[in-house]
Amino acid sequence: MSSPHRKLYLLLGFATVILILLFASQWKRARRITTAASPEPLLSPAPVSLPRSPADQLLGNPGAALSVVIFLDLGDQRSRQALRELQGVIERYPREANLIFKDAPFGSVFFVAAHERAHRAAWCAGVQRQFWPFVAALGSRGAGAKDLNQAARDLGLELALWETCTDAASTTQYLSGRAAENRALGIKRLPLIFINNRLLNWTPDLNLAELVESFITR
């Protein structure tokens, strides 16, 4: 091979190595670049028109400046835990806030009847003015048939009246009305919490009680 050709090939080889090194450097830099998602606001900016009813179970001061609404499924452990934490907040700030309970017994295809039974039982405990103690008891134990019966006994409910109420047509009508409201609102995930009609964007890794208290104490 002649000397000019050898020099040309050497130059081409050297240029190729340089290009490869430059490409590798740019590739490494590109890997370090990440696109961070915009953080979701703690409260959704747009308020939602939530239906209110005299049948709503309310804990705390009805005229409080801070109103918390929770849609939940009593058959769901996460929902019961959220409710338990919120009850604790209202017990600490009974004048400054209130909590409104909204039935949303979704469950799964196979367990929806069991989940609905828990809501029937709670509603009928409310007929005897024991709604909040009843759901608090479920939060500490569970919402199976035995748990419901034990909670009713522990609270001293009139069991015959309570059991009759759970199967009453009026109870069925009440829950059907709530189911229609939930469908109209497009509720699909639970628990769903609103503060003064604005959706609270929270995840289980956040302390729910502290979040709600921050709106009371600020």
N, C-alpha and C. Protein backbone atom coordinates (compact mmCIF):
# COMPACT_ATOMS: atom_id res chain seq x y z
N MET A 1 0.85 -1.19 0.00
CA MET A 1 0.00 0.00 0.00
C MET A 1 0.88 1.23 0.00
N SER A 2 0.54 2.18 -0.87
CA SER A 2 1.36 3.38 -0.98
C SER A 2 1.21 4.25 0.26
N SER A 3 2.18 5.10 0.46
CA SER A 3 2.18 5.95 1.64
C SER A 3 0.99 6.90 1.69
N PRO A 4 0.55 7.54 0.58
CA PRO A 4 -0.63 8.43 0.64
C PRO A 4 -1.89 7.70 1.08
N HIS A 5 -2.04 6.46 0.50
CA HIS A 5 -3.23 5.68 0.88
C HIS A 5 -3.19 5.30 2.35
N ARG A 6 -2.00 4.93 2.84
CA ARG A 6 -1.87 4.54 4.25
C ARG A 6 -2.24 5.71 5.14
N LYS A 7 -1.78 6.89 4.80
CA LYS A 7 -2.10 8.08 5.59
C LYS A 7 -3.61 8.36 5.58
N LEU A 8 -4.24 8.16 4.40
CA LEU A 8 -5.68 8.41 4.30
C LEU A 8 -6.47 7.46 5.20
N TYR A 9 -6.07 6.17 5.17
CA TYR A 9 -6.77 5.19 6.02
C TYR A 9 -6.55 5.48 7.50
N LEU A 10 -5.35 5.91 7.83
CA LEU A 10 -5.08 6.24 9.23
C LEU A 10 -5.93 7.42 9.69
N LEU A 11 -6.05 8.41 8.80
CA LEU A 11 -6.88 9.57 9.14
C LEU A 11 -8.35 9.17 9.29
N LEU A 12 -8.82 8.31 8.35
CA LEU A 12 -10.21 7.86 8.44
C LEU A 12 -10.45 7.06 9.72
N GLY A 13 -9.49 6.23 10.08
CA GLY A 13 -9.61 5.44 11.31
C GLY A 13 -9.63 6.32 12.54
N PHE A 14 -8.73 7.31 12.51
CA PHE A 14 -8.66 8.22 13.65
C PHE A 14 -9.96 9.02 13.78
N ALA A 15 -10.52 9.45 12.63
CA ALA A 15 -11.78 10.20 12.66
C ALA A 15 -12.93 9.33 13.16
N THR A 16 -12.90 8.06 12.76
CA THR A 16 -13.95 7.14 13.22
C THR A 16 -13.90 6.97 14.73
N VAL A 17 -12.70 6.80 15.28
CA VAL A 17 -12.55 6.65 16.74
C VAL A 17 -13.06 7.89 17.45
N ILE A 18 -12.74 9.06 16.92
CA ILE A 18 -13.20 10.31 17.53
C ILE A 18 -14.72 10.39 17.53
N LEU A 19 -15.33 10.00 16.39
CA LEU A 19 -16.78 10.04 16.30
C LEU A 19 -17.43 9.07 17.29
N ILE A 20 -16.83 7.89 17.42
CA ILE A 20 -17.37 6.91 18.38
C ILE A 20 -17.29 7.44 19.80
N LEU A 21 -16.15 8.05 20.14
CA LEU A 21 -16.00 8.60 21.49
C LEU A 21 -17.00 9.73 21.75
N LEU A 22 -17.19 10.59 20.74
CA LEU A 22 -18.15 11.68 20.89
C LEU A 22 -19.57 11.15 21.06
N PHE A 23 -19.91 10.13 20.28
CA PHE A 23 -21.25 9.54 20.37
C PHE A 23 -21.47 8.92 21.75
N ALA A 24 -20.44 8.20 22.25
CA ALA A 24 -20.54 7.58 23.58
C ALA A 24 -20.72 8.63 24.66
N SER A 25 -20.01 9.74 24.53
CA SER A 25 -20.13 10.80 25.53
C SER A 25 -21.53 11.41 25.53
N GLN A 26 -22.06 11.66 24.32
CA GLN A 26 -23.39 12.24 24.22
C GLN A 26 -24.45 11.28 24.73
N TRP A 27 -24.25 10.00 24.50
CA TRP A 27 -25.21 8.98 24.94
C TRP A 27 -25.26 8.92 26.47
N LYS A 28 -24.07 9.00 27.10
CA LYS A 28 -24.03 9.00 28.56
C LYS A 28 -24.72 10.23 29.14
N ARG A 29 -24.51 11.38 28.49
CA ARG A 29 -25.16 12.61 28.96
C ARG A 29 -26.67 12.51 28.82
N ALA A 30 -27.11 11.92 27.71
CA ALA A 30 -28.55 11.78 27.47
C ALA A 30 -29.20 10.88 28.51
N ARG A 31 -28.48 9.86 28.94
CA ARG A 31 -29.03 8.94 29.94
C ARG A 31 -29.23 9.64 31.27
N ARG A 32 -28.43 10.66 31.56
CA ARG A 32 -28.55 11.36 32.84
C ARG A 32 -29.67 12.40 32.83
N ILE A 33 -30.20 12.69 31.65
CA ILE A 33 -31.27 13.68 31.55
C ILE A 33 -32.60 12.99 31.83
N THR A 34 -33.36 13.48 32.81
CA THR A 34 -34.67 12.91 33.13
C THR A 34 -35.71 14.02 33.06
N THR A 35 -36.88 13.64 32.67
CA THR A 35 -37.99 14.59 32.61
C THR A 35 -38.84 14.40 33.85
N ALA A 36 -38.82 15.33 34.77
CA ALA A 36 -39.57 15.21 36.01
C ALA A 36 -41.01 15.63 35.76
N ALA A 37 -41.94 14.77 36.22
CA ALA A 37 -43.35 15.09 36.06
C ALA A 37 -43.72 16.25 36.97
N SER A 38 -44.61 17.10 36.49
CA SER A 38 -45.04 18.22 37.31
C SER A 38 -45.79 17.70 38.51
N PRO A 39 -45.43 18.13 39.72
CA PRO A 39 -46.11 17.62 40.90
C PRO A 39 -47.57 18.02 40.90
N GLU A 40 -48.42 17.07 41.28
CA GLU A 40 -49.86 17.33 41.34
C GLU A 40 -50.15 18.18 42.57
N PRO A 41 -50.99 19.21 42.44
CA PRO A 41 -51.29 20.04 43.61
C PRO A 41 -52.00 19.21 44.68
N LEU A 42 -51.76 19.56 45.93
CA LEU A 42 -52.36 18.82 47.03
C LEU A 42 -53.88 18.86 46.96
N LEU A 43 -54.41 20.03 46.61
CA LEU A 43 -55.85 20.18 46.39
C LEU A 43 -56.10 20.55 44.95
N SER A 44 -57.01 19.84 44.31
CA SER A 44 -57.34 20.18 42.93
C SER A 44 -57.87 21.60 42.86
N PRO A 45 -57.45 22.37 41.85
CA PRO A 45 -57.84 23.80 41.80
C PRO A 45 -59.34 24.01 41.59
N ALA A 46 -59.98 23.10 40.86
CA ALA A 46 -61.40 23.30 40.55
C ALA A 46 -62.28 22.60 41.59
N PRO A 47 -63.21 23.32 42.20
CA PRO A 47 -64.12 22.69 43.16
C PRO A 47 -65.12 21.79 42.45
N VAL A 48 -65.62 20.81 43.16
CA VAL A 48 -66.60 19.87 42.63
C VAL A 48 -67.92 20.08 43.37
N SER A 49 -69.01 20.06 42.63
CA SER A 49 -70.33 20.20 43.26
C SER A 49 -70.74 18.84 43.82
N LEU A 50 -70.64 18.69 45.12
CA LEU A 50 -70.97 17.43 45.78
C LEU A 50 -72.38 17.48 46.32
N PRO A 51 -73.17 16.44 46.05
CA PRO A 51 -74.55 16.43 46.57
C PRO A 51 -74.56 16.32 48.08
N ARG A 52 -75.42 17.07 48.73
CA ARG A 52 -75.60 17.00 50.18
C ARG A 52 -77.04 16.57 50.47
N SER A 53 -77.19 15.84 51.54
CA SER A 53 -78.50 15.30 51.88
C SER A 53 -78.67 15.31 53.39
N PRO A 54 -79.90 15.49 53.88
CA PRO A 54 -80.15 15.37 55.33
C PRO A 54 -79.78 13.99 55.86
N ALA A 55 -79.70 13.01 54.95
CA ALA A 55 -79.35 11.66 55.37
C ALA A 55 -77.85 11.47 55.56
N ASP A 56 -77.06 12.46 55.16
CA ASP A 56 -75.61 12.35 55.33
C ASP A 56 -75.25 12.21 56.81
N GLN A 57 -74.31 11.33 57.09
CA GLN A 57 -73.79 11.20 58.44
C GLN A 57 -72.69 12.24 58.62
N LEU A 58 -72.85 13.12 59.60
CA LEU A 58 -71.91 14.21 59.81
C LEU A 58 -71.34 14.15 61.22
N LEU A 59 -70.03 14.32 61.31
CA LEU A 59 -69.33 14.34 62.58
C LEU A 59 -68.64 15.70 62.73
N GLY A 60 -68.81 16.34 63.88
CA GLY A 60 -68.18 17.63 64.10
C GLY A 60 -69.16 18.78 64.03
N ASN A 61 -68.66 19.95 63.74
CA ASN A 61 -69.46 21.17 63.73
C ASN A 61 -70.06 21.39 62.34
N PRO A 62 -71.39 21.33 62.20
CA PRO A 62 -72.01 21.52 60.87
C PRO A 62 -71.66 22.85 60.23
N GLY A 63 -71.39 23.88 61.04
CA GLY A 63 -71.09 25.20 60.50
C GLY A 63 -69.60 25.50 60.42
N ALA A 64 -68.75 24.49 60.54
CA ALA A 64 -67.31 24.71 60.54
C ALA A 64 -66.82 25.23 59.19
N ALA A 65 -65.73 25.97 59.23
CA ALA A 65 -65.16 26.52 57.99
C ALA A 65 -64.55 25.42 57.13
N LEU A 66 -64.10 24.35 57.76
CA LEU A 66 -63.47 23.26 57.02
C LEU A 66 -64.40 22.06 57.02
N SER A 67 -64.75 21.60 55.83
CA SER A 67 -65.62 20.45 55.68
C SER A 67 -64.91 19.37 54.87
N VAL A 68 -64.83 18.18 55.43
CA VAL A 68 -64.17 17.05 54.77
C VAL A 68 -65.23 16.03 54.37
N VAL A 69 -65.24 15.64 53.12
CA VAL A 69 -66.18 14.63 52.61
C VAL A 69 -65.38 13.43 52.17
N ILE A 70 -65.78 12.25 52.62
CA ILE A 70 -65.09 11.03 52.22
C ILE A 70 -66.06 10.05 51.59
N PHE A 71 -65.74 9.60 50.39
CA PHE A 71 -66.45 8.51 49.72
C PHE A 71 -65.63 7.26 49.98
N LEU A 72 -66.26 6.24 50.54
CA LEU A 72 -65.48 5.05 50.88
C LEU A 72 -66.32 3.80 50.84
N ASP A 73 -65.60 2.68 50.84
CA ASP A 73 -66.20 1.35 50.87
C ASP A 73 -65.80 0.71 52.19
N LEU A 74 -66.76 0.46 53.07
CA LEU A 74 -66.46 -0.10 54.38
C LEU A 74 -65.87 -1.50 54.28
N GLY A 75 -66.05 -2.15 53.16
CA GLY A 75 -65.45 -3.47 52.98
C GLY A 75 -63.98 -3.41 52.57
N ASP A 76 -63.48 -2.20 52.34
CA ASP A 76 -62.10 -2.00 51.92
C ASP A 76 -61.26 -1.52 53.09
N GLN A 77 -60.18 -2.22 53.39
CA GLN A 77 -59.36 -1.90 54.55
C GLN A 77 -58.77 -0.50 54.47
N ARG A 78 -58.31 -0.12 53.28
CA ARG A 78 -57.71 1.21 53.13
C ARG A 78 -58.74 2.30 53.41
N SER A 79 -59.97 2.09 52.95
CA SER A 79 -61.03 3.06 53.21
C SER A 79 -61.32 3.16 54.70
N ARG A 80 -61.38 2.02 55.38
CA ARG A 80 -61.66 2.04 56.81
C ARG A 80 -60.55 2.75 57.58
N GLN A 81 -59.30 2.53 57.16
CA GLN A 81 -58.18 3.18 57.83
C GLN A 81 -58.23 4.69 57.63
N ALA A 82 -58.55 5.13 56.41
CA ALA A 82 -58.66 6.57 56.13
C ALA A 82 -59.76 7.18 56.98
N LEU A 83 -60.89 6.50 57.09
CA LEU A 83 -62.00 7.00 57.90
C LEU A 83 -61.59 7.09 59.36
N ARG A 84 -60.89 6.10 59.83
CA ARG A 84 -60.45 6.10 61.22
C ARG A 84 -59.53 7.30 61.51
N GLU A 85 -58.62 7.59 60.59
CA GLU A 85 -57.72 8.72 60.77
C GLU A 85 -58.48 10.05 60.76
N LEU A 86 -59.45 10.15 59.86
CA LEU A 86 -60.22 11.39 59.78
C LEU A 86 -61.10 11.59 61.00
N GLN A 87 -61.67 10.50 61.52
CA GLN A 87 -62.45 10.61 62.75
C GLN A 87 -61.58 11.14 63.89
N GLY A 88 -60.33 10.68 63.93
CA GLY A 88 -59.42 11.15 64.96
C GLY A 88 -59.17 12.65 64.86
N VAL A 89 -59.06 13.16 63.62
CA VAL A 89 -58.84 14.59 63.42
C VAL A 89 -60.04 15.39 63.93
N ILE A 90 -61.25 14.95 63.59
CA ILE A 90 -62.45 15.67 64.00
C ILE A 90 -62.62 15.62 65.51
N GLU A 91 -62.24 14.52 66.11
CA GLU A 91 -62.31 14.43 67.57
C GLU A 91 -61.35 15.42 68.23
N ARG A 92 -60.24 15.72 67.57
CA ARG A 92 -59.28 16.68 68.12
C ARG A 92 -59.69 18.13 67.82
N TYR A 93 -60.45 18.31 66.73
CA TYR A 93 -60.87 19.66 66.33
C TYR A 93 -62.38 19.67 66.07
N PRO A 94 -63.19 19.39 67.09
CA PRO A 94 -64.64 19.26 66.87
C PRO A 94 -65.33 20.56 66.48
N ARG A 95 -64.73 21.71 66.81
CA ARG A 95 -65.34 23.00 66.46
C ARG A 95 -64.87 23.51 65.10
N GLU A 96 -63.65 23.17 64.75
CA GLU A 96 -63.03 23.76 63.55
C GLU A 96 -63.36 23.02 62.26
N ALA A 97 -63.85 21.78 62.34
CA ALA A 97 -64.04 20.99 61.12
C ALA A 97 -65.21 20.02 61.27
N ASN A 98 -65.65 19.52 60.15
CA ASN A 98 -66.64 18.44 60.17
C ASN A 98 -66.28 17.40 59.13
N LEU A 99 -66.82 16.22 59.30
CA LEU A 99 -66.57 15.09 58.40
C LEU A 99 -67.90 14.54 57.94
N ILE A 100 -68.06 14.40 56.63
CA ILE A 100 -69.28 13.86 56.04
C ILE A 100 -68.97 12.53 55.36
N PHE A 101 -69.76 11.53 55.71
CA PHE A 101 -69.57 10.16 55.22
C PHE A 101 -70.45 9.93 54.00
N LYS A 102 -69.84 9.38 52.93
CA LYS A 102 -70.58 9.02 51.72
C LYS A 102 -70.39 7.54 51.42
N ASP A 103 -71.49 6.80 51.36
CA ASP A 103 -71.43 5.36 51.07
C ASP A 103 -71.03 5.12 49.62
N ALA A 104 -70.06 4.24 49.42
CA ALA A 104 -69.67 3.82 48.07
C ALA A 104 -69.22 2.36 48.12
N PRO A 105 -70.15 1.45 48.38
CA PRO A 105 -69.78 0.03 48.49
C PRO A 105 -69.55 -0.61 47.13
N PHE A 106 -68.33 -0.45 46.60
CA PHE A 106 -68.02 -1.00 45.29
C PHE A 106 -67.74 -2.50 45.39
N GLY A 107 -66.66 -2.83 46.11
CA GLY A 107 -66.26 -4.22 46.20
C GLY A 107 -65.88 -4.77 44.83
N SER A 108 -65.78 -6.07 44.74
CA SER A 108 -65.53 -6.74 43.46
C SER A 108 -66.80 -7.48 43.07
N VAL A 109 -66.77 -8.09 41.91
CA VAL A 109 -67.94 -8.81 41.43
C VAL A 109 -68.38 -9.87 42.43
N PHE A 110 -67.41 -10.52 43.07
CA PHE A 110 -67.71 -11.62 43.97
C PHE A 110 -68.01 -11.17 45.40
N PHE A 111 -67.59 -9.96 45.77
CA PHE A 111 -67.72 -9.53 47.16
C PHE A 111 -68.58 -8.29 47.34
N VAL A 112 -69.22 -7.81 46.30
CA VAL A 112 -69.98 -6.57 46.41
C VAL A 112 -71.11 -6.72 47.43
N ALA A 113 -71.75 -7.90 47.50
CA ALA A 113 -72.85 -8.09 48.45
C ALA A 113 -72.34 -7.97 49.89
N ALA A 114 -71.16 -8.54 50.16
CA ALA A 114 -70.59 -8.46 51.50
C ALA A 114 -70.23 -7.02 51.85
N HIS A 115 -69.69 -6.29 50.88
CA HIS A 115 -69.33 -4.89 51.12
C HIS A 115 -70.59 -4.05 51.36
N GLU A 116 -71.63 -4.34 50.60
CA GLU A 116 -72.88 -3.60 50.78
C GLU A 116 -73.49 -3.91 52.14
N ARG A 117 -73.33 -5.15 52.60
CA ARG A 117 -73.88 -5.52 53.91
C ARG A 117 -73.29 -4.66 55.02
N ALA A 118 -72.00 -4.35 54.91
CA ALA A 118 -71.35 -3.50 55.92
C ALA A 118 -71.97 -2.11 55.93
N HIS A 119 -72.31 -1.59 54.76
CA HIS A 119 -72.93 -0.26 54.68
C HIS A 119 -74.37 -0.30 55.20
N ARG A 120 -75.06 -1.39 54.93
CA ARG A 120 -76.41 -1.54 55.49
C ARG A 120 -76.35 -1.55 57.02
N ALA A 121 -75.39 -2.30 57.54
CA ALA A 121 -75.25 -2.42 58.99
C ALA A 121 -74.92 -1.07 59.62
N ALA A 122 -74.03 -0.30 58.99
CA ALA A 122 -73.65 1.01 59.52
C ALA A 122 -74.83 1.98 59.46
N TRP A 123 -75.53 1.98 58.35
CA TRP A 123 -76.69 2.86 58.21
C TRP A 123 -77.72 2.56 59.31
N CYS A 124 -77.95 1.29 59.57
CA CYS A 124 -78.94 0.90 60.57
C CYS A 124 -78.45 1.16 61.99
N ALA A 125 -77.14 1.15 62.19
CA ALA A 125 -76.61 1.60 63.48
C ALA A 125 -76.89 3.08 63.65
N GLY A 126 -76.85 3.82 62.55
CA GLY A 126 -77.16 5.24 62.59
C GLY A 126 -78.60 5.52 62.94
N VAL A 127 -79.48 4.61 62.54
CA VAL A 127 -80.89 4.76 62.91
C VAL A 127 -81.03 4.77 64.42
N GLN A 128 -80.14 4.06 65.11
CA GLN A 128 -80.13 4.04 66.58
C GLN A 128 -79.10 5.02 67.14
N ARG A 129 -78.67 5.98 66.32
CA ARG A 129 -77.74 7.05 66.72
C ARG A 129 -76.38 6.51 67.18
N GLN A 130 -75.95 5.47 66.52
CA GLN A 130 -74.65 4.88 66.86
C GLN A 130 -73.78 4.70 65.62
N PHE A 131 -74.01 5.54 64.62
CA PHE A 131 -73.27 5.37 63.37
C PHE A 131 -71.77 5.51 63.56
N TRP A 132 -71.33 6.63 64.12
CA TRP A 132 -69.89 6.88 64.20
C TRP A 132 -69.17 5.90 65.13
N PRO A 133 -69.74 5.56 66.29
CA PRO A 133 -69.10 4.51 67.09
C PRO A 133 -69.05 3.17 66.36
N PHE A 134 -70.09 2.90 65.54
CA PHE A 134 -70.13 1.63 64.82
C PHE A 134 -69.02 1.55 63.78
N VAL A 135 -68.87 2.60 62.95
CA VAL A 135 -67.84 2.54 61.91
C VAL A 135 -66.44 2.61 62.54
N ALA A 136 -66.33 3.27 63.69
CA ALA A 136 -65.04 3.27 64.39
C ALA A 136 -64.67 1.87 64.84
N ALA A 137 -65.67 1.11 65.29
CA ALA A 137 -65.42 -0.26 65.70
C ALA A 137 -64.98 -1.13 64.52
N LEU A 138 -65.57 -0.88 63.35
CA LEU A 138 -65.17 -1.64 62.17
C LEU A 138 -63.74 -1.30 61.77
N GLY A 139 -63.36 -0.06 61.96
CA GLY A 139 -62.00 0.35 61.60
C GLY A 139 -60.94 -0.36 62.42
N SER A 140 -61.29 -0.76 63.62
CA SER A 140 -60.32 -1.42 64.49
C SER A 140 -60.36 -2.93 64.39
N ARG A 141 -61.41 -3.49 63.73
CA ARG A 141 -61.48 -4.94 63.67
C ARG A 141 -61.67 -5.49 62.25
N GLY A 142 -62.58 -4.95 61.47
CA GLY A 142 -62.86 -5.48 60.14
C GLY A 142 -64.32 -5.30 59.83
N ALA A 143 -64.77 -5.81 58.66
CA ALA A 143 -66.15 -5.60 58.25
C ALA A 143 -66.81 -6.89 57.79
N GLY A 144 -66.36 -8.02 58.32
CA GLY A 144 -67.01 -9.29 58.02
C GLY A 144 -68.30 -9.42 58.80
N ALA A 145 -69.09 -10.44 58.49
CA ALA A 145 -70.38 -10.64 59.16
C ALA A 145 -70.21 -10.73 60.68
N LYS A 146 -69.21 -11.46 61.13
CA LYS A 146 -68.98 -11.59 62.58
C LYS A 146 -68.58 -10.25 63.19
N ASP A 147 -67.79 -9.48 62.47
CA ASP A 147 -67.38 -8.17 62.96
C ASP A 147 -68.57 -7.23 63.11
N LEU A 148 -69.47 -7.27 62.14
CA LEU A 148 -70.65 -6.42 62.19
C LEU A 148 -71.52 -6.77 63.39
N ASN A 149 -71.76 -8.06 63.58
CA ASN A 149 -72.60 -8.51 64.69
C ASN A 149 -71.96 -8.17 66.04
N GLN A 150 -70.64 -8.34 66.14
CA GLN A 150 -69.96 -8.07 67.39
C GLN A 150 -69.99 -6.58 67.71
N ALA A 151 -69.82 -5.74 66.70
CA ALA A 151 -69.86 -4.30 66.91
C ALA A 151 -71.25 -3.89 67.40
N ALA A 152 -72.28 -4.48 66.82
CA ALA A 152 -73.65 -4.16 67.23
C ALA A 152 -73.87 -4.56 68.69
N ARG A 153 -73.37 -5.71 69.06
CA ARG A 153 -73.52 -6.16 70.46
C ARG A 153 -72.73 -5.27 71.41
N ASP A 154 -71.49 -4.96 71.04
CA ASP A 154 -70.66 -4.15 71.92
C ASP A 154 -71.26 -2.77 72.17
N LEU A 155 -71.97 -2.24 71.18
CA LEU A 155 -72.57 -0.91 71.32
C LEU A 155 -73.94 -0.95 71.96
N GLY A 156 -74.42 -2.15 72.24
CA GLY A 156 -75.71 -2.28 72.90
C GLY A 156 -76.89 -1.93 72.00
N LEU A 157 -76.75 -2.17 70.69
CA LEU A 157 -77.87 -1.89 69.79
C LEU A 157 -79.02 -2.87 70.05
N GLU A 158 -80.21 -2.42 69.75
CA GLU A 158 -81.36 -3.33 69.78
C GLU A 158 -81.23 -4.25 68.56
N LEU A 159 -80.75 -5.44 68.80
CA LEU A 159 -80.34 -6.31 67.70
C LEU A 159 -81.48 -6.66 66.74
N ALA A 160 -82.66 -6.94 67.29
CA ALA A 160 -83.78 -7.30 66.41
C ALA A 160 -84.12 -6.14 65.48
N LEU A 161 -84.16 -4.93 66.01
CA LEU A 161 -84.45 -3.75 65.20
C LEU A 161 -83.35 -3.51 64.17
N TRP A 162 -82.11 -3.68 64.59
CA TRP A 162 -80.96 -3.49 63.71
C TRP A 162 -80.97 -4.50 62.56
N GLU A 163 -81.22 -5.76 62.87
CA GLU A 163 -81.24 -6.79 61.84
C GLU A 163 -82.38 -6.59 60.86
N THR A 164 -83.55 -6.19 61.37
CA THR A 164 -84.69 -5.93 60.49
C THR A 164 -84.39 -4.77 59.55
N CYS A 165 -83.72 -3.76 60.08
CA CYS A 165 -83.38 -2.58 59.29
C CYS A 165 -82.44 -2.93 58.14
N THR A 166 -81.49 -3.83 58.38
CA THR A 166 -80.50 -4.14 57.34
C THR A 166 -81.14 -4.75 56.10
N ASP A 167 -82.30 -5.40 56.28
CA ASP A 167 -82.99 -6.01 55.13
C ASP A 167 -84.17 -5.18 54.64
N ALA A 168 -84.38 -4.01 55.24
CA ALA A 168 -85.56 -3.22 54.90
C ALA A 168 -85.45 -2.59 53.52
N ALA A 169 -86.61 -2.41 52.90
CA ALA A 169 -86.66 -1.79 51.57
C ALA A 169 -86.14 -0.36 51.63
N SER A 170 -86.38 0.33 52.73
CA SER A 170 -85.92 1.72 52.85
C SER A 170 -84.40 1.80 52.83
N THR A 171 -83.73 0.80 53.42
CA THR A 171 -82.27 0.76 53.40
C THR A 171 -81.75 0.51 52.00
N THR A 172 -82.42 -0.40 51.29
CA THR A 172 -82.07 -0.68 49.89
C THR A 172 -82.24 0.57 49.04
N GLN A 173 -83.33 1.28 49.26
CA GLN A 173 -83.60 2.50 48.50
C GLN A 173 -82.53 3.56 48.79
N TYR A 174 -82.13 3.67 50.05
CA TYR A 174 -81.10 4.64 50.42
C TYR A 174 -79.79 4.34 49.68
N LEU A 175 -79.35 3.10 49.71
CA LEU A 175 -78.08 2.74 49.07
C LEU A 175 -78.17 2.85 47.56
N SER A 176 -79.32 2.57 46.99
CA SER A 176 -79.50 2.72 45.54
C SER A 176 -79.35 4.18 45.14
N GLY A 177 -79.88 5.07 45.98
CA GLY A 177 -79.74 6.49 45.70
C GLY A 177 -78.29 6.93 45.76
N ARG A 178 -77.55 6.41 46.73
CA ARG A 178 -76.13 6.75 46.83
C ARG A 178 -75.35 6.21 45.63
N ALA A 179 -75.69 5.00 45.20
CA ALA A 179 -75.00 4.41 44.04
C ALA A 179 -75.23 5.27 42.79
N ALA A 180 -76.44 5.80 42.64
CA ALA A 180 -76.74 6.65 41.49
C ALA A 180 -75.93 7.94 41.56
N GLU A 181 -75.79 8.51 42.75
CA GLU A 181 -74.98 9.72 42.91
C GLU A 181 -73.52 9.44 42.54
N ASN A 182 -73.01 8.30 42.99
CA ASN A 182 -71.61 7.95 42.71
C ASN A 182 -71.36 7.78 41.22
N ARG A 183 -72.33 7.17 40.53
CA ARG A 183 -72.18 7.01 39.08
C ARG A 183 -72.20 8.36 38.38
N ALA A 184 -73.07 9.24 38.84
CA ALA A 184 -73.16 10.58 38.24
C ALA A 184 -71.87 11.37 38.43
N LEU A 185 -71.21 11.16 39.56
CA LEU A 185 -69.95 11.85 39.84
C LEU A 185 -68.76 11.18 39.18
N GLY A 186 -68.97 9.96 38.66
CA GLY A 186 -67.88 9.24 38.01
C GLY A 186 -66.85 8.70 38.98
N ILE A 187 -67.27 8.33 40.18
CA ILE A 187 -66.35 7.84 41.20
C ILE A 187 -65.95 6.40 40.89
N LYS A 188 -64.63 6.19 40.78
CA LYS A 188 -64.12 4.87 40.44
C LYS A 188 -63.04 4.37 41.38
N ARG A 189 -62.40 5.27 42.13
CA ARG A 189 -61.36 4.83 43.05
C ARG A 189 -61.67 5.33 44.45
N LEU A 190 -61.31 4.51 45.41
CA LEU A 190 -61.63 4.81 46.80
C LEU A 190 -60.43 4.57 47.69
N PRO A 191 -60.37 5.22 48.84
CA PRO A 191 -61.28 6.28 49.27
C PRO A 191 -61.01 7.58 48.52
N LEU A 192 -62.04 8.37 48.39
CA LEU A 192 -61.95 9.66 47.72
C LEU A 192 -62.29 10.73 48.74
N ILE A 193 -61.41 11.70 48.90
CA ILE A 193 -61.56 12.70 49.96
C ILE A 193 -61.57 14.10 49.36
N PHE A 194 -62.51 14.90 49.81
CA PHE A 194 -62.63 16.29 49.36
C PHE A 194 -62.54 17.21 50.58
N ILE A 195 -61.82 18.30 50.43
CA ILE A 195 -61.75 19.33 51.46
C ILE A 195 -62.35 20.60 50.89
N ASN A 196 -63.46 21.01 51.50
CA ASN A 196 -64.22 22.16 50.98
C ASN A 196 -64.46 22.02 49.48
N ASN A 197 -64.91 20.84 49.12
CA ASN A 197 -65.31 20.51 47.73
C ASN A 197 -64.16 20.42 46.74
N ARG A 198 -62.92 20.41 47.23
CA ARG A 198 -61.76 20.25 46.34
C ARG A 198 -61.11 18.89 46.63
N LEU A 199 -60.83 18.17 45.58
CA LEU A 199 -60.27 16.83 45.73
C LEU A 199 -58.90 16.88 46.39
N LEU A 200 -58.71 16.06 47.41
CA LEU A 200 -57.41 15.95 48.08
C LEU A 200 -56.61 14.87 47.36
N ASN A 201 -55.48 15.26 46.78
CA ASN A 201 -54.62 14.32 46.07
C ASN A 201 -53.57 13.78 47.05
N TRP A 202 -53.85 12.60 47.56
CA TRP A 202 -52.95 12.02 48.54
C TRP A 202 -52.70 10.55 48.20
N THR A 203 -51.62 10.04 48.72
CA THR A 203 -51.25 8.65 48.52
C THR A 203 -51.02 8.02 49.89
N PRO A 204 -51.09 6.69 49.99
CA PRO A 204 -50.95 6.03 51.30
C PRO A 204 -49.64 6.32 52.02
N ASP A 205 -48.62 6.76 51.29
CA ASP A 205 -47.34 7.04 51.96
C ASP A 205 -47.36 8.38 52.69
N LEU A 206 -48.41 9.18 52.47
CA LEU A 206 -48.55 10.45 53.17
C LEU A 206 -49.43 10.28 54.40
N ASN A 207 -49.16 11.04 55.43
CA ASN A 207 -49.93 10.98 56.66
C ASN A 207 -51.23 11.77 56.47
N LEU A 208 -52.34 11.06 56.33
CA LEU A 208 -53.60 11.70 56.03
C LEU A 208 -54.04 12.65 57.15
N ALA A 209 -53.91 12.21 58.39
CA ALA A 209 -54.33 13.05 59.52
C ALA A 209 -53.55 14.36 59.54
N GLU A 210 -52.25 14.28 59.33
CA GLU A 210 -51.43 15.49 59.34
C GLU A 210 -51.80 16.43 58.19
N LEU A 211 -52.11 15.85 57.04
CA LEU A 211 -52.51 16.68 55.89
C LEU A 211 -53.76 17.48 56.22
N VAL A 212 -54.78 16.80 56.74
CA VAL A 212 -56.04 17.48 57.04
C VAL A 212 -55.85 18.48 58.17
N GLU A 213 -55.08 18.11 59.17
CA GLU A 213 -54.83 19.05 60.28
C GLU A 213 -54.13 20.32 59.79
N SER A 214 -53.30 20.19 58.76
CA SER A 214 -52.60 21.36 58.25
C SER A 214 -53.55 22.40 57.70
N PHE A 215 -54.70 21.95 57.18
CA PHE A 215 -55.69 22.90 56.66
C PHE A 215 -56.47 23.56 57.80
N ILE A 216 -56.52 22.91 58.94
CA ILE A 216 -57.23 23.47 60.10
C ILE A 216 -56.35 24.49 60.81
N THR A 217 -55.09 24.19 60.93
CA THR A 217 -54.19 25.00 61.77
C THR A 217 -53.49 26.12 61.03
N ARG A 218 -53.56 26.13 59.69
CA ARG A 218 -52.82 27.17 58.95
C ARG A 218 -53.48 28.53 59.07
